[in-house]
Protein backbone atom coordinates (compact mmCIF):
# COMPACT_ATOMS: atom_id res chain seq x y z
CA MET A 1 0.00 0.00 0.00
CA ALA A 2 3.07 2.28 -0.21
CA ASP A 3 1.70 4.37 -3.08
CA ILE A 4 -2.01 4.06 -2.27
CA TYR A 5 -2.15 7.83 -1.73
CA LYS A 6 -0.57 8.50 -5.12
CA GLN A 7 -3.20 6.26 -6.68
CA LEU A 8 -5.99 8.08 -4.87
CA ALA A 9 -4.57 11.49 -5.81
CA LYS A 10 -4.38 10.40 -9.44
CA LYS A 11 -7.99 9.20 -9.34
CA LEU A 12 -9.15 12.48 -7.78
CA ASP A 13 -7.26 14.43 -10.43
CA ALA A 14 -9.04 12.42 -13.12
CA LEU A 15 -12.39 13.75 -11.90
CA PRO A 16 -13.75 16.91 -13.56
CA ASN A 17 -12.77 19.15 -10.63
CA ALA A 18 -9.00 18.33 -10.60
CA TYR A 19 -6.54 17.50 -7.82
CA PRO A 20 -3.13 18.45 -9.26
CA ALA A 21 0.23 17.06 -8.23
CA THR A 22 2.90 19.30 -6.70
CA ALA A 23 6.68 19.11 -6.42
CA SER A 24 6.40 19.19 -2.62
CA GLY A 25 3.82 16.40 -2.47
CA VAL A 26 1.52 18.44 -0.23
CA GLU A 27 -1.50 16.88 -1.93
CA LEU A 28 -0.33 13.47 -0.67
CA LYS A 29 0.23 14.81 2.86
CA ILE A 30 -3.38 16.04 2.84
CA LEU A 31 -4.67 12.61 1.83
CA ARG A 32 -2.53 10.91 4.49
CA LYS A 33 -4.00 13.27 7.05
CA ILE A 34 -7.59 12.48 6.00
CA PHE A 35 -7.40 8.76 5.09
CA SER A 36 -5.81 5.70 6.62
CA PRO A 37 -4.25 3.36 4.01
CA GLU A 38 -7.24 1.02 4.33
CA GLU A 39 -9.72 3.87 3.88
CA ALA A 40 -7.82 5.18 0.87
CA ALA A 41 -7.91 1.68 -0.66
CA LEU A 42 -11.70 1.50 -0.29
CA ALA A 43 -12.16 5.03 -1.63
CA LEU A 44 -10.20 3.95 -4.72
CA ARG A 45 -12.75 1.22 -5.40
CA LEU A 46 -15.77 3.51 -5.23
CA LYS A 47 -17.28 5.03 -8.33
CA PRO A 48 -17.76 8.79 -8.80
CA PHE A 49 -21.51 8.33 -9.15
CA PRO A 50 -23.90 7.12 -6.43
CA GLU A 51 -24.41 3.44 -5.61
CA THR A 52 -26.25 1.74 -2.76
CA ALA A 53 -24.36 -0.25 -0.13
CA ASP A 54 -25.89 -3.40 -1.62
CA GLN A 55 -24.53 -2.59 -5.08
CA ILE A 56 -21.06 -1.80 -3.75
CA ALA A 57 -21.04 -4.92 -1.55
CA LYS A 58 -21.96 -7.10 -4.52
CA ARG A 59 -19.31 -5.50 -6.71
CA LEU A 60 -16.58 -5.82 -4.05
CA ARG A 61 -17.78 -9.26 -2.83
CA LYS A 62 -18.39 -8.13 0.74
CA SER A 63 -21.34 -8.61 3.06
CA VAL A 64 -23.90 -5.80 2.89
CA ALA A 65 -23.73 -5.21 6.66
CA GLU A 66 -19.93 -4.95 6.61
CA MET A 67 -19.99 -2.71 3.56
CA ARG A 68 -22.61 -0.35 4.95
CA SER A 69 -20.72 -0.09 8.25
CA CYS A 70 -17.47 0.84 6.45
CA LEU A 71 -19.20 3.31 4.14
CA ASP A 72 -21.06 5.03 6.97
CA ALA A 73 -17.86 5.34 8.99
CA MET A 74 -16.04 6.91 6.04
CA ALA A 75 -18.93 9.24 5.29
CA LYS A 76 -18.90 10.47 8.89
CA LYS A 77 -15.22 11.30 8.45
CA GLY A 78 -16.00 13.23 5.26
CA GLN A 79 -13.94 10.87 3.11
CA ILE A 80 -16.74 9.91 0.71
CA GLY A 81 -20.18 11.14 -0.28
CA SER A 82 -23.42 9.84 1.19
CA LEU A 83 -26.78 11.10 -0.05
CA ARG A 84 -30.44 10.19 -0.31
CA MET A 85 -31.64 9.52 -3.87
CA HIS A 86 -35.04 8.14 -4.85
CA GLY A 87 -35.62 6.96 -1.31
CA GLU A 88 -32.30 5.06 -1.05
CA GLN A 89 -29.07 5.97 0.74
CA LYS A 90 -26.21 5.99 -1.74
CA TYR A 91 -22.44 6.44 -1.61
CA ALA A 92 -19.82 7.74 -4.02
CA LEU A 93 -16.25 8.91 -4.37
CA MET A 94 -16.39 12.71 -4.24
CA PRO A 95 -14.05 15.30 -5.76
CA PHE A 96 -11.72 17.04 -3.37
CA VAL A 97 -13.41 20.40 -4.11
CA ILE A 98 -16.43 20.58 -3.86
CA GLY A 99 -16.54 17.47 -1.67
CA ILE A 100 -13.87 15.97 0.59
CA TYR A 101 -12.47 19.36 1.60
CA GLU A 102 -15.84 20.76 2.68
CA PHE A 103 -16.70 17.50 4.47
CA GLN A 104 -13.72 17.99 6.83
CA VAL A 105 -15.60 20.74 8.67
CA ASN A 106 -15.64 18.79 11.96
CA ARG A 107 -12.15 17.29 11.60
CA ILE A 108 -10.04 20.23 10.50
CA ASP A 109 -7.19 21.18 12.84
CA LYS A 110 -4.16 23.45 12.59
CA GLU A 111 -2.06 20.82 10.81
CA LEU A 112 -4.67 20.26 8.09
CA ALA A 113 -5.32 24.00 7.79
CA ASP A 114 -1.60 24.60 7.19
CA LEU A 115 -1.48 21.91 4.51
CA LEU A 116 -4.58 23.29 2.78
CA GLU A 117 -3.18 26.82 2.75
CA GLU A 118 0.06 25.48 1.27
CA TYR A 119 -1.91 23.66 -1.45
CA ALA A 120 -4.35 26.50 -2.28
CA PRO A 121 -2.09 28.35 -4.77
CA THR A 122 -1.86 25.12 -6.83
CA LEU A 123 -5.31 23.65 -6.25
CA LEU A 124 -7.56 26.68 -6.80
CA PRO A 125 -6.03 27.77 -10.14
CA ALA A 126 -6.30 24.16 -11.37
CA VAL A 127 -9.95 23.87 -10.34
CA GLY A 128 -10.64 27.26 -11.90
CA SER A 129 -8.71 26.87 -15.14
CA GLN A 130 -11.33 25.17 -17.34
CA LYS A 131 -14.88 25.89 -18.44
CA PRO A 132 -17.56 25.63 -17.21
CA ALA A 133 -17.05 27.40 -13.91
CA LEU A 134 -17.48 25.31 -10.77
CA GLY A 135 -19.67 27.72 -8.80
CA ARG A 136 -22.13 30.44 -9.72
CA VAL A 137 -23.20 33.67 -8.06
CA ILE A 138 -26.91 33.77 -7.23
CA PRO A 139 -28.04 37.40 -6.83
CA ALA A 140 -29.75 38.72 -3.72
CA ASN A 141 -33.46 38.91 -4.59
CA ALA A 142 -33.94 42.33 -3.00
CA SER A 143 -31.41 43.81 -5.40
CA LEU A 144 -33.27 42.82 -8.59
CA LYS A 145 -35.54 45.24 -10.42
CA ALA A 146 -39.21 44.31 -10.09
CA ASP A 147 -39.81 44.25 -13.85
CA LEU A 148 -37.05 41.73 -14.59
CA THR A 149 -37.74 38.19 -15.74
CA ILE A 150 -35.87 36.00 -13.27
CA LEU A 151 -35.07 32.43 -14.29
CA ALA A 152 -35.42 29.62 -11.74
CA TYR A 153 -31.66 29.08 -11.33
CA GLU A 154 -31.18 32.83 -10.77
CA ASP A 155 -33.62 32.98 -7.85
CA MET A 156 -32.25 31.69 -4.54
CA ARG A 157 -35.59 31.93 -2.79
CA ARG A 158 -37.27 29.92 -5.52
CA ILE A 159 -34.54 27.28 -5.22
CA ILE A 160 -35.25 27.11 -1.47
CA ALA A 161 -39.02 26.98 -2.09
CA GLU A 162 -38.65 24.04 -4.48
CA SER A 163 -36.34 22.07 -2.13
CA ARG A 164 -37.79 19.73 0.50
CA SER A 165 -34.90 19.16 2.92
CA PHE A 166 -32.40 21.57 4.46
CA ALA A 167 -29.25 21.25 6.58
CA LEU A 168 -27.31 24.17 8.06
CA ARG A 169 -23.54 23.72 8.40
CA GLU A 170 -20.48 25.63 9.47
CA CYS A 171 -18.25 27.18 6.81
CA ILE A 172 -14.99 25.26 6.66
CA CYS A 173 -13.28 28.18 4.91
CA ARG A 174 -13.86 30.41 7.96
CA LYS A 175 -12.78 27.63 10.33
CA GLU A 176 -9.60 27.10 8.31
CA ARG A 177 -8.69 30.80 8.30
CA ALA A 178 -9.38 31.08 12.03
CA LEU A 179 -6.94 28.22 12.65
CA GLU A 180 -4.44 30.20 10.55
CA GLY A 181 -4.84 33.20 12.88
CA ARG A 182 -7.12 35.13 10.51
CA PRO A 183 -10.60 34.90 12.07
CA CYS A 184 -13.56 36.27 10.11
CA ARG A 185 -16.04 38.79 11.52
CA HIS A 186 -18.96 37.00 9.83
CA PRO A 187 -20.98 34.12 11.34
CA VAL A 188 -19.56 30.62 10.84
CA GLU A 189 -22.83 28.68 10.51
CA THR A 190 -23.92 29.90 7.06
CA CYS A 191 -23.67 26.98 4.61
CA LEU A 192 -26.92 25.33 3.49
CA GLY A 193 -27.36 21.81 2.16
CA LEU A 194 -30.42 21.35 -0.05
CA SER A 195 -32.31 18.38 -1.45
CA SER A 196 -35.46 17.74 -3.43
CA GLU A 197 -35.89 14.52 -1.40
CA ALA A 198 -38.07 14.53 1.71
CA GLY A 199 -36.06 13.51 4.78
CA ALA A 200 -32.82 13.66 2.79
CA PHE A 201 -30.67 14.48 5.83
CA ASP A 202 -32.36 12.22 8.39
CA TYR A 203 -29.80 9.42 7.93
CA PHE A 204 -26.72 11.56 7.30
CA ASN A 205 -26.18 15.33 7.13
CA TYR A 206 -22.41 16.07 7.01
CA ALA A 207 -22.06 17.51 10.51
CA GLY A 208 -24.91 19.94 9.96
CA ARG A 209 -28.22 20.32 11.70
CA ILE A 210 -31.55 19.82 10.00
CA VAL A 211 -33.50 23.07 9.66
CA SER A 212 -36.86 24.12 8.25
CA ARG A 213 -37.46 26.00 5.02
CA ASP A 214 -38.28 29.13 7.05
CA GLU A 215 -34.95 28.92 8.87
CA ALA A 216 -33.13 28.46 5.56
CA LEU A 217 -34.78 31.64 4.30
CA ARG A 218 -33.76 33.45 7.48
CA VAL A 219 -30.16 32.42 6.77
CA LEU A 220 -30.44 34.05 3.34
CA ASP A 221 -31.78 37.25 4.89
CA GLN A 222 -29.05 37.32 7.53
CA THR A 223 -26.20 36.67 5.12
CA GLU A 224 -27.43 39.30 2.66
CA LYS A 225 -27.42 41.88 5.46
CA GLU A 226 -23.88 40.74 6.31
CA GLY A 227 -22.82 41.42 2.72
CA LEU A 228 -22.08 37.76 1.95
CA VAL A 229 -22.38 36.41 -1.59
CA HIS A 230 -24.73 33.51 -2.41
CA VAL A 231 -22.83 30.85 -4.38
CA SER A 232 -24.07 27.48 -5.59
CA PHE A 233 -23.15 24.91 -8.24
CA ASN A 234 -22.98 26.33 -11.74
CA VAL A 235 -26.02 24.33 -12.91
CA ARG A 236 -29.67 25.03 -13.70
CA GLU A 237 -31.28 22.14 -11.84
CA GLU A 238 -30.89 19.95 -8.75
CA GLN A 239 -28.97 22.35 -6.53
CA VAL A 240 -27.55 20.70 -3.42
CA PHE A 241 -25.92 23.59 -1.56
CA VAL A 242 -25.60 27.32 -1.18
CA CYS A 243 -22.49 28.88 0.32
CA ASN A 244 -22.60 32.44 1.65
CA CYS A 245 -19.15 33.70 0.84
CA CYS A 246 -16.85 36.42 2.16
CA THR A 247 -13.72 37.69 0.44
CA CYS A 248 -11.40 37.13 3.41
CA CYS A 249 -11.96 33.37 3.79
CA CYS A 250 -14.09 31.68 1.15
CA GLY A 251 -12.35 29.70 -1.55
CA PHE A 252 -14.51 30.84 -4.45
CA LEU A 253 -13.85 34.55 -3.97
CA ARG A 254 -10.25 34.09 -2.80
CA GLY A 255 -9.64 31.96 -5.88
CA MET A 256 -10.76 34.78 -8.14
CA ARG A 257 -9.09 37.62 -6.25
CA GLU A 258 -5.84 36.05 -5.00
CA PHE A 259 -5.12 33.14 -7.35
CA HIS A 260 -6.55 34.34 -10.67
CA ALA A 261 -8.77 31.31 -11.24
CA PRO A 262 -11.30 32.63 -13.80
CA TYR A 263 -13.47 29.50 -13.99
CA LEU A 264 -13.75 28.87 -10.28
CA LEU A 265 -16.81 31.10 -10.06
CA ALA A 266 -19.22 32.35 -12.73
CA ARG A 267 -20.74 35.76 -12.15
CA SER A 268 -24.52 36.06 -12.34
CA ASN A 269 -26.11 37.35 -15.53
CA PHE A 270 -26.76 40.68 -13.83
CA VAL A 271 -24.74 43.81 -13.19
CA ALA A 272 -25.21 46.56 -10.64
CA HIS A 273 -26.58 49.86 -11.98
CA ILE A 274 -26.47 53.14 -10.07
CA ASP A 275 -29.04 55.85 -10.80
CA PRO A 276 -26.97 59.05 -10.59
CA GLY A 277 -30.09 61.09 -9.88
CA ASN A 278 -30.70 59.21 -6.62
CA CYS A 279 -27.10 58.52 -5.56
CA GLU A 280 -25.93 60.64 -2.61
CA ASP A 281 -22.36 59.29 -2.78
CA CYS A 282 -22.57 58.12 0.83
CA GLY A 283 -20.05 55.32 0.25
CA ALA A 284 -22.19 52.57 1.84
CA CYS A 285 -22.04 50.38 -1.27
CA GLY A 286 -18.28 50.54 -1.83
CA GLY A 287 -15.25 49.81 0.29
CA THR A 288 -15.39 46.42 1.96
CA ARG A 289 -19.09 45.99 1.08
CA CYS A 290 -18.36 45.20 -2.59
CA PRO A 291 -16.54 41.84 -2.73
CA MET A 292 -14.86 42.65 -6.04
CA GLU A 293 -14.07 46.35 -5.50
CA ALA A 294 -16.30 47.09 -8.48
CA ILE A 295 -17.73 50.39 -7.20
CA THR A 296 -15.70 53.56 -7.52
CA ALA A 297 -16.23 57.28 -7.07
CA GLU A 298 -16.97 59.21 -10.26
CA GLY A 299 -17.56 62.91 -9.74
CA ALA A 300 -20.39 63.47 -7.26
CA THR A 301 -21.75 59.91 -7.51
CA ALA A 302 -20.56 56.31 -7.37
CA ALA A 303 -20.08 54.24 -10.51
CA VAL A 304 -19.91 50.51 -11.30
CA LEU A 305 -16.96 48.88 -13.05
CA SER A 306 -19.05 46.35 -14.97
CA HIS A 307 -16.07 44.16 -15.88
CA ARG A 308 -15.40 43.59 -12.17
CA CYS A 309 -19.00 43.30 -10.97
CA ILE A 310 -20.14 39.70 -10.30
CA GLY A 311 -23.82 40.61 -10.00
CA CYS A 312 -24.27 39.54 -6.38
CA GLY A 313 -26.38 42.57 -5.38
CA VAL A 314 -25.01 43.02 -1.85
CA CYS A 315 -24.35 46.68 -2.68
CA SER A 316 -28.00 47.53 -3.31
CA ILE A 317 -29.20 46.17 0.03
CA VAL A 318 -27.42 48.93 1.97
CA CYS A 319 -28.18 51.81 -0.41
CA PRO A 320 -30.24 54.31 1.67
CA THR A 321 -31.83 55.95 -1.39
CA GLY A 322 -32.51 52.85 -3.50
CA ALA A 323 -30.19 54.16 -6.22
CA ILE A 324 -28.64 50.73 -6.93
CA ARG A 325 -30.41 47.85 -8.62
CA LEU A 326 -29.27 44.85 -10.62
CA ILE A 327 -30.11 44.84 -14.32
CA ARG A 328 -29.61 42.01 -16.79
CA ARG A 329 -26.38 42.10 -18.75
CA PRO A 330 -26.52 42.36 -22.57
CA GLY A 331 -26.97 39.00 -24.31
CA PRO A 332 -23.32 38.52 -25.38
CA GLU A 333 -22.23 38.97 -21.73
CA THR A 334 -24.56 36.29 -20.34
CA ASP A 335 -24.32 32.52 -20.27
CA VAL A 336 -26.55 29.52 -19.60
CA PRO A 337 -25.11 27.02 -17.12
CA PRO A 338 -25.20 23.23 -17.72
CA LYS A 339 -28.47 21.45 -16.91
CA ASN A 340 -27.22 19.55 -13.85
CA ILE A 341 -24.05 18.17 -12.27
CA VAL A 342 -23.87 15.25 -14.73
CA HIS A 343 -23.96 17.57 -17.73
CA TRP A 344 -21.53 19.92 -15.97
CA SER A 345 -19.12 17.01 -15.49
CA VAL A 346 -19.31 16.10 -19.17
CA GLU A 347 -18.57 19.68 -20.21
CA ARG A 348 -15.71 20.06 -17.73
CA LEU A 349 -14.03 16.76 -18.67
CA SER A 350 -14.42 17.71 -22.32
CA SER A 351 -12.57 20.97 -21.63
CA ARG A 352 -9.81 19.13 -19.80
CA ARG A 353 -9.39 16.18 -22.18
CA GLY A 354 -10.84 17.13 -25.55
CA PRO A 355 -13.72 16.19 -27.89
CA LEU A 356 -13.12 12.42 -27.90
CA THR A 357 -13.73 12.32 -24.15
CA ARG A 358 -16.89 14.34 -24.68
CA LEU A 359 -18.15 11.86 -27.29
CA ALA A 360 -17.36 8.86 -25.07
CA LEU A 361 -19.18 10.43 -22.12
CA ARG A 362 -22.21 11.29 -24.24
CA ILE A 363 -22.43 7.69 -25.40
CA TRP A 364 -22.13 6.47 -21.81
CA LEU A 365 -24.87 8.84 -20.66
CA ALA A 366 -27.18 7.72 -23.45
CA ARG A 367 -26.69 4.07 -22.48
CA HIS A 368 -27.36 4.79 -18.81
CA GLY A 369 -30.36 7.05 -19.23
CA GLY A 370 -28.34 10.18 -18.42
């Protein structure tokens, strides 16, 4: 088992999200910290799409009880994915980001935080180097003009309304930075898990606590007041999480600002617009409020640098005169995200490996009802 961690790292790097090798081998140190050799060996034998414990046991020639016990133990350690699908609990090998890293929220310590910070300048640019983007900004509803047509995947409250199960979790990015001596002034418990399945988190909820739809909506209200940015998967359907991101800690925004990873986060299809007739140039919308420093002074009023604006809308919430609203970007500046995570994975692997991979994946999806 001497190179089991190299094998696991290679398998994680083969996933759409990437897990690149380094000269220092820090990516292997991270895996050694998270997995025992035996756990790494089992993770290697899991597929990157969900299977039941019965299916995995049959494939690996183990008893179902033994297999379920091992899988549940690994899921509790955040080493693999465990989710409710069509009324069945299923398990899968997850990417490192988004996946294994976020699942370490209850296990992270100073040693792991140091390793993750060392790896970030390599990992985040790799994850954010290929289309389509991993995450997507979802604008704050209060910032949108009333006459706009808002699509379902652009409306965080509609996404919450159409979900049936909710889990509230701590933000591992803020916990990591606190361990590094850079604590954040924002609340830690701000990450929401979502599911269209009833009772999705009753069996397993990744160290979160089950909350109601009303409490999930209250989290949105609170985080918008805090100036945090709603971020979810860059897909149109079947959302499973929403992060509420700050620039000082959160990987999505740090990746864009510090590590120049353009496809880590897609901006929304909106841009902030300031009505100069109503703007009093009070400065509430700029400074640390704008996560991308996209608002600047221009004469007697503020102005938006549209090329920097990510369309999050946190500026408009604090405008005392209502001078700021989000408007839809011109057609050439907008994009339509992939349908769901399966289609996203096909597009991302195609970007990384070329058109032949895309064709092979399309054929596989067709055969498996994808």
